Amino acid sequence: MIELFKALSNRKGLEILHGLKHPEKHFPPQDEGDVHTVGVCFSSIQEGVGLSQSTVSDYLATLQRASLVEVRRIGQWTYYKRNEATIRALAEILGKGGS
């Protein structure tokens, strides 16, 4: 739960998570892989948010520890996409007032 609250309290992390919902609108095109199937390449996310590699890496690691994103490695590339099951469960809990 701590990781979840940590992820949700970070504005840039939430911006990345929001961007991953409609990646073609928020991140530059990538050379390989469909953004809806494999996810968005780390370098596209970094370019899209305009932050350093280490900063973006920290935000994505926090989102991953909170199970808000799924990570997939293909060769030397790392792809990220939203974990919709976790996000739906969280929305359901919050919709019930946390009970």
PDB file of N, CA and C in Angstrom:
ATOM      1  N   MET A   1       0.820  -1.203   0.000  1.00  0.00           N
ATOM      2  CA  MET A   1       0.000   0.000   0.000  1.00  0.00           C
ATOM      3  C   MET A   1       0.860   1.262   0.000  1.00  0.00           C
ATOM      4  N   ILE A   2       1.998   1.205   0.680  1.00  0.00           N
ATOM      5  CA  ILE A   2       2.875   2.379   0.730  1.00  0.00           C
ATOM      6  C   ILE A   2       3.324   2.749  -0.673  1.00  0.00           C
ATOM      7  N   GLU A   3       3.698   1.750  -1.466  1.00  0.00           N
ATOM      8  CA  GLU A   3       4.140   2.022  -2.836  1.00  0.00           C
ATOM      9  C   GLU A   3       3.000   2.600  -3.675  1.00  0.00           C
ATOM     10  N   LEU A   4       1.816   2.135  -3.429  1.00  0.00           N
ATOM     11  CA  LEU A   4       0.659   2.659  -4.166  1.00  0.00           C
ATOM     12  C   LEU A   4       0.439   4.129  -3.832  1.00  0.00           C
ATOM     13  N   PHE A   5       0.453   4.467  -2.557  1.00  0.00           N
ATOM     14  CA  PHE A   5       0.266   5.866  -2.159  1.00  0.00           C
ATOM     15  C   PHE A   5       1.412   6.741  -2.649  1.00  0.00           C
ATOM     16  N   LYS A   6       2.619   6.185  -2.635  1.00  0.00           N
ATOM     17  CA  LYS A   6       3.778   6.917  -3.136  1.00  0.00           C
ATOM     18  C   LYS A   6       3.596   7.242  -4.621  1.00  0.00           C
ATOM     19  N   ALA A   7       3.145   6.253  -5.377  1.00  0.00           N
ATOM     20  CA  ALA A   7       2.940   6.445  -6.812  1.00  0.00           C
ATOM     21  C   ALA A   7       1.833   7.456  -7.082  1.00  0.00           C
ATOM     22  N   LEU A   8       0.765   7.372  -6.315  1.00  0.00           N
ATOM     23  CA  LEU A   8      -0.384   8.257  -6.540  1.00  0.00           C
ATOM     24  C   LEU A   8      -0.133   9.684  -6.074  1.00  0.00           C
ATOM     25  N   SER A   9       0.868   9.878  -5.228  1.00  0.00           N
ATOM     26  CA  SER A   9       1.143  11.222  -4.716  1.00  0.00           C
ATOM     27  C   SER A   9       2.120  12.005  -5.580  1.00  0.00           C
ATOM     28  N   ASN A  10       2.618  11.390  -6.639  1.00  0.00           N
ATOM     29  CA  ASN A  10       3.608  12.037  -7.487  1.00  0.00           C
ATOM     30  C   ASN A  10       2.968  12.516  -8.785  1.00  0.00           C
ATOM     31  N   ARG A  11       2.964  13.823  -8.986  1.00  0.00           N
ATOM     32  CA  ARG A  11       2.292  14.403 -10.156  1.00  0.00           C
ATOM     33  C   ARG A  11       2.880  13.911 -11.475  1.00  0.00           C
ATOM     34  N   LYS A  12       4.203  13.860 -11.589  1.00  0.00           N
ATOM     35  CA  LYS A  12       4.823  13.415 -12.853  1.00  0.00           C
ATOM     36  C   LYS A  12       4.557  11.942 -13.099  1.00  0.00           C
ATOM     37  N   GLY A  13       4.581  11.149 -12.036  1.00  0.00           N
ATOM     38  CA  GLY A  13       4.273   9.734 -12.186  1.00  0.00           C
ATOM     39  C   GLY A  13       2.850   9.533 -12.684  1.00  0.00           C
ATOM     40  N   LEU A  14       1.920  10.313 -12.137  1.00  0.00           N
ATOM     41  CA  LEU A  14       0.535  10.245 -12.593  1.00  0.00           C
ATOM     42  C   LEU A  14       0.397  10.723 -14.028  1.00  0.00           C
ATOM     43  N   GLU A  15       1.201  11.711 -14.394  1.00  0.00           N
ATOM     44  CA  GLU A  15       1.192  12.203 -15.780  1.00  0.00           C
ATOM     45  C   GLU A  15       1.629  11.088 -16.735  1.00  0.00           C
ATOM     46  N   ILE A  16       2.655  10.350 -16.348  1.00  0.00           N
ATOM     47  CA  ILE A  16       3.112   9.226 -17.171  1.00  0.00           C
ATOM     48  C   ILE A  16       2.012   8.174 -17.257  1.00  0.00           C
ATOM     49  N   LEU A  17       1.419   7.824 -16.123  1.00  0.00           N
ATOM     50  CA  LEU A  17       0.352   6.825 -16.090  1.00  0.00           C
ATOM     51  C   LEU A  17      -0.822   7.260 -16.968  1.00  0.00           C
ATOM     52  N   HIS A  18      -1.197   8.521 -16.892  1.00  0.00           N
ATOM     53  CA  HIS A  18      -2.268   9.057 -17.739  1.00  0.00           C
ATOM     54  C   HIS A  18      -1.872   8.976 -19.214  1.00  0.00           C
ATOM     55  N   GLY A  19      -0.640   9.343 -19.521  1.00  0.00           N
ATOM     56  CA  GLY A  19      -0.167   9.297 -20.896  1.00  0.00           C
ATOM     57  C   GLY A  19      -0.201   7.899 -21.485  1.00  0.00           C
ATOM     58  N   LEU A  20       0.048   6.897 -20.642  1.00  0.00           N
ATOM     59  CA  LEU A  20       0.043   5.517 -21.117  1.00  0.00           C
ATOM     60  C   LEU A  20      -1.362   5.035 -21.481  1.00  0.00           C
ATOM     61  N   LYS A  21      -2.388   5.742 -21.045  1.00  0.00           N
ATOM     62  CA  LYS A  21      -3.762   5.363 -21.414  1.00  0.00           C
ATOM     63  C   LYS A  21      -3.996   5.605 -22.898  1.00  0.00           C
ATOM     64  N   HIS A  22      -3.473   6.715 -23.415  1.00  0.00           N
ATOM     65  CA  HIS A  22      -3.575   7.055 -24.843  1.00  0.00           C
ATOM     66  C   HIS A  22      -2.176   7.432 -25.330  1.00  0.00           C
ATOM     67  N   PRO A  23      -1.300   6.439 -25.453  1.00  0.00           N
ATOM     68  CA  PRO A  23       0.113   6.725 -25.727  1.00  0.00           C
ATOM     69  C   PRO A  23       0.372   7.465 -27.034  1.00  0.00           C
ATOM     70  N   GLU A  24      -0.455   7.232 -28.051  1.00  0.00           N
ATOM     71  CA  GLU A  24      -0.216   7.894 -29.335  1.00  0.00           C
ATOM     72  C   GLU A  24      -0.427   9.397 -29.238  1.00  0.00           C
ATOM     73  N   LYS A  25      -1.179   9.859 -28.246  1.00  0.00           N
ATOM     74  CA  LYS A  25      -1.395  11.292 -28.041  1.00  0.00           C
ATOM     75  C   LYS A  25      -0.296  11.940 -27.200  1.00  0.00           C
ATOM     76  N   HIS A  26       0.340  11.164 -26.336  1.00  0.00           N
ATOM     77  CA  HIS A  26       1.227  11.743 -25.327  1.00  0.00           C
ATOM     78  C   HIS A  26       2.712  11.455 -25.512  1.00  0.00           C
ATOM     79  N   PHE A  27       3.040  10.472 -26.348  1.00  0.00           N
ATOM     80  CA  PHE A  27       4.439  10.103 -26.532  1.00  0.00           C
ATOM     81  C   PHE A  27       4.771  10.044 -28.016  1.00  0.00           C
ATOM     82  N   PRO A  28       6.020  10.330 -28.364  1.00  0.00           N
ATOM     83  CA  PRO A  28       6.404  10.259 -29.777  1.00  0.00           C
ATOM     84  C   PRO A  28       6.308   8.820 -30.303  1.00  0.00           C
ATOM     85  N   PRO A  29       6.145   8.674 -31.609  1.00  0.00           N
ATOM     86  CA  PRO A  29       6.068   7.321 -32.189  1.00  0.00           C
ATOM     87  C   PRO A  29       7.344   6.537 -31.898  1.00  0.00           C
ATOM     88  N   GLN A  30       7.198   5.238 -31.804  1.00  0.00           N
ATOM     89  CA  GLN A  30       8.367   4.389 -31.582  1.00  0.00           C
ATOM     90  C   GLN A  30       8.585   3.502 -32.790  1.00  0.00           C
ATOM     91  N   ASP A  31       9.830   3.073 -32.961  1.00  0.00           N
ATOM     92  CA  ASP A  31      10.200   2.292 -34.138  1.00  0.00           C
ATOM     93  C   ASP A  31       9.652   0.872 -34.108  1.00  0.00           C
ATOM     94  N   GLU A  32       9.642   0.270 -32.928  1.00  0.00           N
ATOM     95  CA  GLU A  32       9.272  -1.135 -32.819  1.00  0.00           C
ATOM     96  C   GLU A  32       8.103  -1.328 -31.866  1.00  0.00           C
ATOM     97  N   GLY A  33       7.268  -2.291 -32.164  1.00  0.00           N
ATOM     98  CA  GLY A  33       6.212  -2.706 -31.249  1.00  0.00           C
ATOM     99  C   GLY A  33       5.013  -1.783 -31.213  1.00  0.00           C
ATOM    100  N   ASP A  34       3.853  -2.399 -31.159  1.00  0.00           N
ATOM    101  CA  ASP A  34       2.592  -1.666 -31.057  1.00  0.00           C
ATOM    102  C   ASP A  34       2.412  -1.204 -29.612  1.00  0.00           C
ATOM    103  N   VAL A  35       2.123   0.088 -29.423  1.00  0.00           N
ATOM    104  CA  VAL A  35       2.012   0.654 -28.076  1.00  0.00           C
ATOM    105  C   VAL A  35       0.886   0.009 -27.268  1.00  0.00           C
ATOM    106  N   HIS A  36      -0.136  -0.520 -27.929  1.00  0.00           N
ATOM    107  CA  HIS A  36      -1.250  -1.132 -27.205  1.00  0.00           C
ATOM    108  C   HIS A  36      -0.994  -2.599 -26.889  1.00  0.00           C
ATOM    109  N   THR A  37      -0.102  -3.226 -27.632  1.00  0.00           N
ATOM    110  CA  THR A  37       0.207  -4.635 -27.412  1.00  0.00           C
ATOM    111  C   THR A  37       1.386  -4.806 -26.462  1.00  0.00           C
ATOM    112  N   VAL A  38       2.521  -4.208 -26.819  1.00  0.00           N
ATOM    113  CA  VAL A  38       3.729  -4.391 -25.997  1.00  0.00           C
ATOM    114  C   VAL A  38       3.954  -3.256 -25.013  1.00  0.00           C
ATOM    115  N   GLY A  39       3.371  -2.104 -25.275  1.00  0.00           N
ATOM    116  CA  GLY A  39       3.564  -0.951 -24.407  1.00  0.00           C
ATOM    117  C   GLY A  39       4.402   0.121 -25.086  1.00  0.00           C
ATOM    118  N   VAL A  40       4.775   1.120 -24.295  1.00  0.00           N
ATOM    119  CA  VAL A  40       5.532   2.261 -24.800  1.00  0.00           C
ATOM    120  C   VAL A  40       6.991   2.101 -24.380  1.00  0.00           C
ATOM    121  N   CYS A  41       7.877   2.277 -25.330  1.00  0.00           N
ATOM    122  CA  CYS A  41       9.310   2.156 -25.089  1.00  0.00           C
ATOM    123  C   CYS A  41       9.761   3.239 -24.100  1.00  0.00           C
ATOM    124  N   PHE A  42      10.680   2.864 -23.225  1.00  0.00           N
ATOM    125  CA  PHE A  42      11.202   3.792 -22.224  1.00  0.00           C
ATOM    126  C   PHE A  42      11.665   5.098 -22.859  1.00  0.00           C
ATOM    127  N   SER A  43      12.383   5.011 -23.972  1.00  0.00           N
ATOM    128  CA  SER A  43      12.923   6.227 -24.590  1.00  0.00           C
ATOM    129  C   SER A  43      11.810   7.150 -25.087  1.00  0.00           C
ATOM    130  N   SER A  44      10.699   6.593 -25.548  1.00  0.00           N
ATOM    131  CA  SER A  44       9.566   7.423 -25.970  1.00  0.00           C
ATOM    132  C   SER A  44       8.921   8.114 -24.771  1.00  0.00           C
ATOM    133  N   ILE A  45       8.835   7.390 -23.656  1.00  0.00           N
ATOM    134  CA  ILE A  45       8.286   8.000 -22.439  1.00  0.00           C
ATOM    135  C   ILE A  45       9.192   9.136 -21.990  1.00  0.00           C
ATOM    136  N   GLN A  46      10.489   8.863 -21.967  1.00  0.00           N
ATOM    137  CA  GLN A  46      11.453   9.893 -21.548  1.00  0.00           C
ATOM    138  C   GLN A  46      11.357  11.123 -22.433  1.00  0.00           C
ATOM    139  N   GLU A  47      11.315  10.932 -23.723  1.00  0.00           N
ATOM    140  CA  GLU A  47      11.203  12.054 -24.650  1.00  0.00           C
ATOM    141  C   GLU A  47       9.877  12.794 -24.462  1.00  0.00           C
ATOM    142  N   GLY A  48       8.813  12.041 -24.220  1.00  0.00           N
ATOM    143  CA  GLY A  48       7.490  12.634 -24.063  1.00  0.00           C
ATOM    144  C   GLY A  48       7.360  13.515 -22.833  1.00  0.00           C
ATOM    145  N   VAL A  49       8.026  13.135 -21.747  1.00  0.00           N
ATOM    146  CA  VAL A  49       7.921  13.930 -20.519  1.00  0.00           C
ATOM    147  C   VAL A  49       9.068  14.921 -20.372  1.00  0.00           C
ATOM    148  N   GLY A  50      10.122  14.749 -21.164  1.00  0.00           N
ATOM    149  CA  GLY A  50      11.227  15.710 -21.169  1.00  0.00           C
ATOM    150  C   GLY A  50      12.043  15.744 -19.894  1.00  0.00           C
ATOM    151  N   LEU A  51      12.205  14.591 -19.264  1.00  0.00           N
ATOM    152  CA  LEU A  51      13.008  14.510 -18.040  1.00  0.00           C
ATOM    153  C   LEU A  51      14.206  13.598 -18.255  1.00  0.00           C
ATOM    154  N   SER A  52      15.124  13.625 -17.322  1.00  0.00           N
ATOM    155  CA  SER A  52      16.329  12.804 -17.440  1.00  0.00           C
ATOM    156  C   SER A  52      15.982  11.321 -17.350  1.00  0.00           C
ATOM    157  N   GLN A  53      16.880  10.496 -17.866  1.00  0.00           N
ATOM    158  CA  GLN A  53      16.692   9.050 -17.849  1.00  0.00           C
ATOM    159  C   GLN A  53      16.525   8.539 -16.417  1.00  0.00           C
ATOM    160  N   SER A  54      17.360   9.011 -15.516  1.00  0.00           N
ATOM    161  CA  SER A  54      17.289   8.519 -14.137  1.00  0.00           C
ATOM    162  C   SER A  54      15.985   8.925 -13.453  1.00  0.00           C
ATOM    163  N   THR A  55      15.500  10.127 -13.727  1.00  0.00           N
ATOM    164  CA  THR A  55      14.246  10.579 -13.125  1.00  0.00           C
ATOM    165  C   THR A  55      13.069   9.763 -13.640  1.00  0.00           C
ATOM    166  N   VAL A  56      13.003   9.561 -14.949  1.00  0.00           N
ATOM    167  CA  VAL A  56      11.921   8.768 -15.542  1.00  0.00           C
ATOM    168  C   VAL A  56      11.997   7.330 -15.034  1.00  0.00           C
ATOM    169  N   SER A  57      13.191   6.809 -14.922  1.00  0.00           N
ATOM    170  CA  SER A  57      13.384   5.459 -14.413  1.00  0.00           C
ATOM    171  C   SER A  57      12.839   5.329 -12.992  1.00  0.00           C
ATOM    172  N   ASP A  58      13.096   6.313 -12.155  1.00  0.00           N
ATOM    173  CA  ASP A  58      12.578   6.304 -10.782  1.00  0.00           C
ATOM    174  C   ASP A  58      11.051   6.321 -10.766  1.00  0.00           C
ATOM    175  N   TYR A  59      10.443   7.187 -11.580  1.00  0.00           N
ATOM    176  CA  TYR A  59       8.982   7.263 -11.637  1.00  0.00           C
ATOM    177  C   TYR A  59       8.381   5.936 -12.097  1.00  0.00           C
ATOM    178  N   LEU A  60       8.958   5.347 -13.139  1.00  0.00           N
ATOM    179  CA  LEU A  60       8.437   4.091 -13.660  1.00  0.00           C
ATOM    180  C   LEU A  60       8.633   2.948 -12.672  1.00  0.00           C
ATOM    181  N   ALA A  61       9.746   2.952 -11.952  1.00  0.00           N
ATOM    182  CA  ALA A  61       9.982   1.915 -10.941  1.00  0.00           C
ATOM    183  C   ALA A  61       8.939   2.016  -9.826  1.00  0.00           C
ATOM    184  N   THR A  62       8.602   3.227  -9.430  1.00  0.00           N
ATOM    185  CA  THR A  62       7.572   3.419  -8.402  1.00  0.00           C
ATOM    186  C   THR A  62       6.222   2.924  -8.904  1.00  0.00           C
ATOM    187  N   LEU A  63       5.887   3.241 -10.136  1.00  0.00           N
ATOM    188  CA  LEU A  63       4.622   2.767 -10.720  1.00  0.00           C
ATOM    189  C   LEU A  63       4.606   1.248 -10.824  1.00  0.00           C
ATOM    190  N   GLN A  64       5.754   0.670 -11.148  1.00  0.00           N
ATOM    191  CA  GLN A  64       5.842  -0.789 -11.264  1.00  0.00           C
ATOM    192  C   GLN A  64       5.692  -1.447  -9.892  1.00  0.00           C
ATOM    193  N   ARG A  65       6.367  -0.931  -8.875  1.00  0.00           N
ATOM    194  CA  ARG A  65       6.249  -1.501  -7.528  1.00  0.00           C
ATOM    195  C   ARG A  65       4.810  -1.431  -7.015  1.00  0.00           C
ATOM    196  N   ALA A  66       4.066  -0.427  -7.452  1.00  0.00           N
ATOM    197  CA  ALA A  66       2.665  -0.279  -7.055  1.00  0.00           C
ATOM    198  C   ALA A  66       1.731  -1.104  -7.945  1.00  0.00           C
ATOM    199  N   SER A  67       2.295  -1.840  -8.890  1.00  0.00           N
ATOM    200  CA  SER A  67       1.535  -2.665  -9.851  1.00  0.00           C
ATOM    201  C   SER A  67       0.611  -1.847 -10.741  1.00  0.00           C
ATOM    202  N   LEU A  68       0.937  -0.582 -10.950  1.00  0.00           N
ATOM    203  CA  LEU A  68       0.130   0.274 -11.822  1.00  0.00           C
ATOM    204  C   LEU A  68       0.568   0.173 -13.280  1.00  0.00           C
ATOM    205  N   VAL A  69       1.790  -0.323 -13.518  1.00  0.00           N
ATOM    206  CA  VAL A  69       2.254  -0.552 -14.885  1.00  0.00           C
ATOM    207  C   VAL A  69       2.821  -1.963 -14.992  1.00  0.00           C
ATOM    208  N   GLU A  70       2.738  -2.485 -16.202  1.00  0.00           N
ATOM    209  CA  GLU A  70       3.350  -3.771 -16.534  1.00  0.00           C
ATOM    210  C   GLU A  70       4.594  -3.474 -17.354  1.00  0.00           C
ATOM    211  N   VAL A  71       5.628  -4.269 -17.152  1.00  0.00           N
ATOM    212  CA  VAL A  71       6.903  -4.051 -17.830  1.00  0.00           C
ATOM    213  C   VAL A  71       7.215  -5.263 -18.688  1.00  0.00           C
ATOM    214  N   ARG A  72       7.705  -4.984 -19.892  1.00  0.00           N
ATOM    215  CA  ARG A  72       8.063  -6.062 -20.817  1.00  0.00           C
ATOM    216  C   ARG A  72       9.397  -5.734 -21.468  1.00  0.00           C
ATOM    217  N   ARG A  73      10.329  -6.674 -21.396  1.00  0.00           N
ATOM    218  CA  ARG A  73      11.619  -6.510 -22.060  1.00  0.00           C
ATOM    219  C   ARG A  73      11.595  -7.283 -23.362  1.00  0.00           C
ATOM    220  N   ILE A  74      12.029  -6.599 -24.431  1.00  0.00           N
ATOM    221  CA  ILE A  74      12.191  -7.251 -25.724  1.00  0.00           C
ATOM    222  C   ILE A  74      13.571  -6.854 -26.217  1.00  0.00           C
ATOM    223  N   GLY A  75      14.483  -7.803 -26.205  1.00  0.00           N
ATOM    224  CA  GLY A  75      15.869  -7.496 -26.550  1.00  0.00           C
ATOM    225  C   GLY A  75      16.433  -6.489 -25.564  1.00  0.00           C
ATOM    226  N   GLN A  76      16.972  -5.416 -26.089  1.00  0.00           N
ATOM    227  CA  GLN A  76      17.556  -4.391 -25.215  1.00  0.00           C
ATOM    228  C   GLN A  76      16.553  -3.317 -24.806  1.00  0.00           C
ATOM    229  N   TRP A  77      15.317  -3.414 -25.263  1.00  0.00           N
ATOM    230  CA  TRP A  77      14.327  -2.377 -25.014  1.00  0.00           C
ATOM    231  C   TRP A  77      13.363  -2.776 -23.903  1.00  0.00           C
ATOM    232  N   THR A  78      12.906  -1.787 -23.171  1.00  0.00           N
ATOM    233  CA  THR A  78      11.928  -2.002 -22.109  1.00  0.00           C
ATOM    234  C   THR A  78      10.675  -1.205 -22.431  1.00  0.00           C
ATOM    235  N   TYR A  79       9.526  -1.875 -22.339  1.00  0.00           N
ATOM    236  CA  TYR A  79       8.238  -1.279 -22.679  1.00  0.00           C
ATOM    237  C   TYR A  79       7.329  -1.265 -21.448  1.00  0.00           C
ATOM    238  N   TYR A  80       6.519  -0.227 -21.363  1.00  0.00           N
ATOM    239  CA  TYR A  80       5.619  -0.053 -20.224  1.00  0.00           C
ATOM    240  C   TYR A  80       4.202   0.168 -20.719  1.00  0.00           C
ATOM    241  N   LYS A  81       3.251  -0.455 -20.028  1.00  0.00           N
ATOM    242  CA  LYS A  81       1.848  -0.166 -20.291  1.00  0.00           C
ATOM    243  C   LYS A  81       1.082  -0.249 -18.973  1.00  0.00           C
ATOM    244  N   ARG A  82      -0.059   0.388 -18.957  1.00  0.00           N
ATOM    245  CA  ARG A  82      -0.881   0.433 -17.747  1.00  0.00           C
ATOM    246  C   ARG A  82      -1.362  -0.962 -17.368  1.00  0.00           C
ATOM    247  N   ASN A  83      -1.419  -1.229 -16.079  1.00  0.00           N
ATOM    248  CA  ASN A  83      -2.007  -2.456 -15.578  1.00  0.00           C
ATOM    249  C   ASN A  83      -3.469  -2.130 -15.277  1.00  0.00           C
ATOM    250  N   GLU A  84      -4.301  -2.323 -16.273  1.00  0.00           N
ATOM    251  CA  GLU A  84      -5.700  -1.914 -16.177  1.00  0.00           C
ATOM    252  C   GLU A  84      -6.448  -2.651 -15.072  1.00  0.00           C
ATOM    253  N   ALA A  85      -6.079  -3.888 -14.776  1.00  0.00           N
ATOM    254  CA  ALA A  85      -6.751  -4.636 -13.717  1.00  0.00           C
ATOM    255  C   ALA A  85      -6.526  -3.961 -12.360  1.00  0.00           C
ATOM    256  N   THR A  86      -5.308  -3.561 -12.085  1.00  0.00           N
ATOM    257  CA  THR A  86      -5.005  -2.879 -10.827  1.00  0.00           C
ATOM    258  C   THR A  86      -5.709  -1.530 -10.765  1.00  0.00           C
ATOM    259  N   ILE A  87      -5.705  -0.809 -11.866  1.00  0.00           N
ATOM    260  CA  ILE A  87      -6.328   0.518 -11.904  1.00  0.00           C
ATOM    261  C   ILE A  87      -7.839   0.400 -11.695  1.00  0.00           C
ATOM    262  N   ARG A  88      -8.466  -0.609 -12.312  1.00  0.00           N
ATOM    263  CA  ARG A  88      -9.908  -0.830 -12.105  1.00  0.00           C
ATOM    264  C   ARG A  88     -10.210  -1.179 -10.650  1.00  0.00           C
ATOM    265  N   ALA A  89      -9.388  -2.047 -10.068  1.00  0.00           N
ATOM    266  CA  ALA A  89      -9.605  -2.444  -8.667  1.00  0.00           C
ATOM    267  C   ALA A  89      -9.459  -1.240  -7.738  1.00  0.00           C
ATOM    268  N   LEU A  90      -8.468  -0.416  -8.006  1.00  0.00           N
ATOM    269  CA  LEU A  90      -8.262   0.786  -7.201  1.00  0.00           C
ATOM    270  C   LEU A  90      -9.452   1.746  -7.342  1.00  0.00           C
ATOM    271  N   ALA A  91      -9.931   1.926  -8.569  1.00  0.00           N
ATOM    272  CA  ALA A  91     -11.071   2.806  -8.796  1.00  0.00           C
ATOM    273  C   ALA A  91     -12.312   2.274  -8.073  1.00  0.00           C
ATOM    274  N   GLU A  92     -12.463   0.962  -8.061  1.00  0.00           N
ATOM    275  CA  GLU A  92     -13.608   0.374  -7.367  1.00  0.00           C
ATOM    276  C   GLU A  92     -13.509   0.603  -5.857  1.00  0.00           C
ATOM    277  N   ILE A  93     -12.332   0.425  -5.297  1.00  0.00           N
ATOM    278  CA  ILE A  93     -12.135   0.666  -3.863  1.00  0.00           C
ATOM    279  C   ILE A  93     -12.402   2.126  -3.521  1.00  0.00           C
ATOM    280  N   LEU A  94     -11.864   3.027  -4.316  1.00  0.00           N
ATOM    281  CA  LEU A  94     -12.053   4.452  -4.064  1.00  0.00           C
ATOM    282  C   LEU A  94     -13.507   4.860  -4.275  1.00  0.00           C
ATOM    283  N   GLY A  95     -14.177   4.218  -5.214  1.00  0.00           N
ATOM    284  CA  GLY A  95     -15.579   4.515  -5.469  1.00  0.00           C
ATOM    285  C   GLY A  95     -16.488   4.093  -4.325  1.00  0.00           C
ATOM    286  N   LYS A  96     -16.029   3.123  -3.554  1.00  0.00           N
ATOM    287  CA  LYS A  96     -16.801   2.657  -2.409  1.00  0.00           C
ATOM    288  C   LYS A  96     -16.428   3.394  -1.134  1.00  0.00           C
ATOM    289  N   GLY A  97     -15.641   4.459  -1.287  1.00  0.00           N
ATOM    290  CA  GLY A  97     -15.248   5.224  -0.111  1.00  0.00           C
ATOM    291  C   GLY A  97     -14.197   4.535   0.717  1.00  0.00           C
ATOM    292  N   GLY A  98     -13.485   3.569   0.092  1.00  0.00           N
ATOM    293  CA  GLY A  98     -12.407   2.897   0.790  1.00  0.00           C
ATOM    294  C   GLY A  98     -12.861   1.781   1.711  1.00  0.00           C
ATOM    295  N   SER A  99     -14.156   1.478   1.745  1.00  0.00           N
ATOM    296  CA  SER A  99     -14.622   0.415   2.634  1.00  0.00           C
ATOM    297  C   SER A  99     -14.598  -0.934   1.957  1.00  0.00           C
TER     298      SER A  99
END
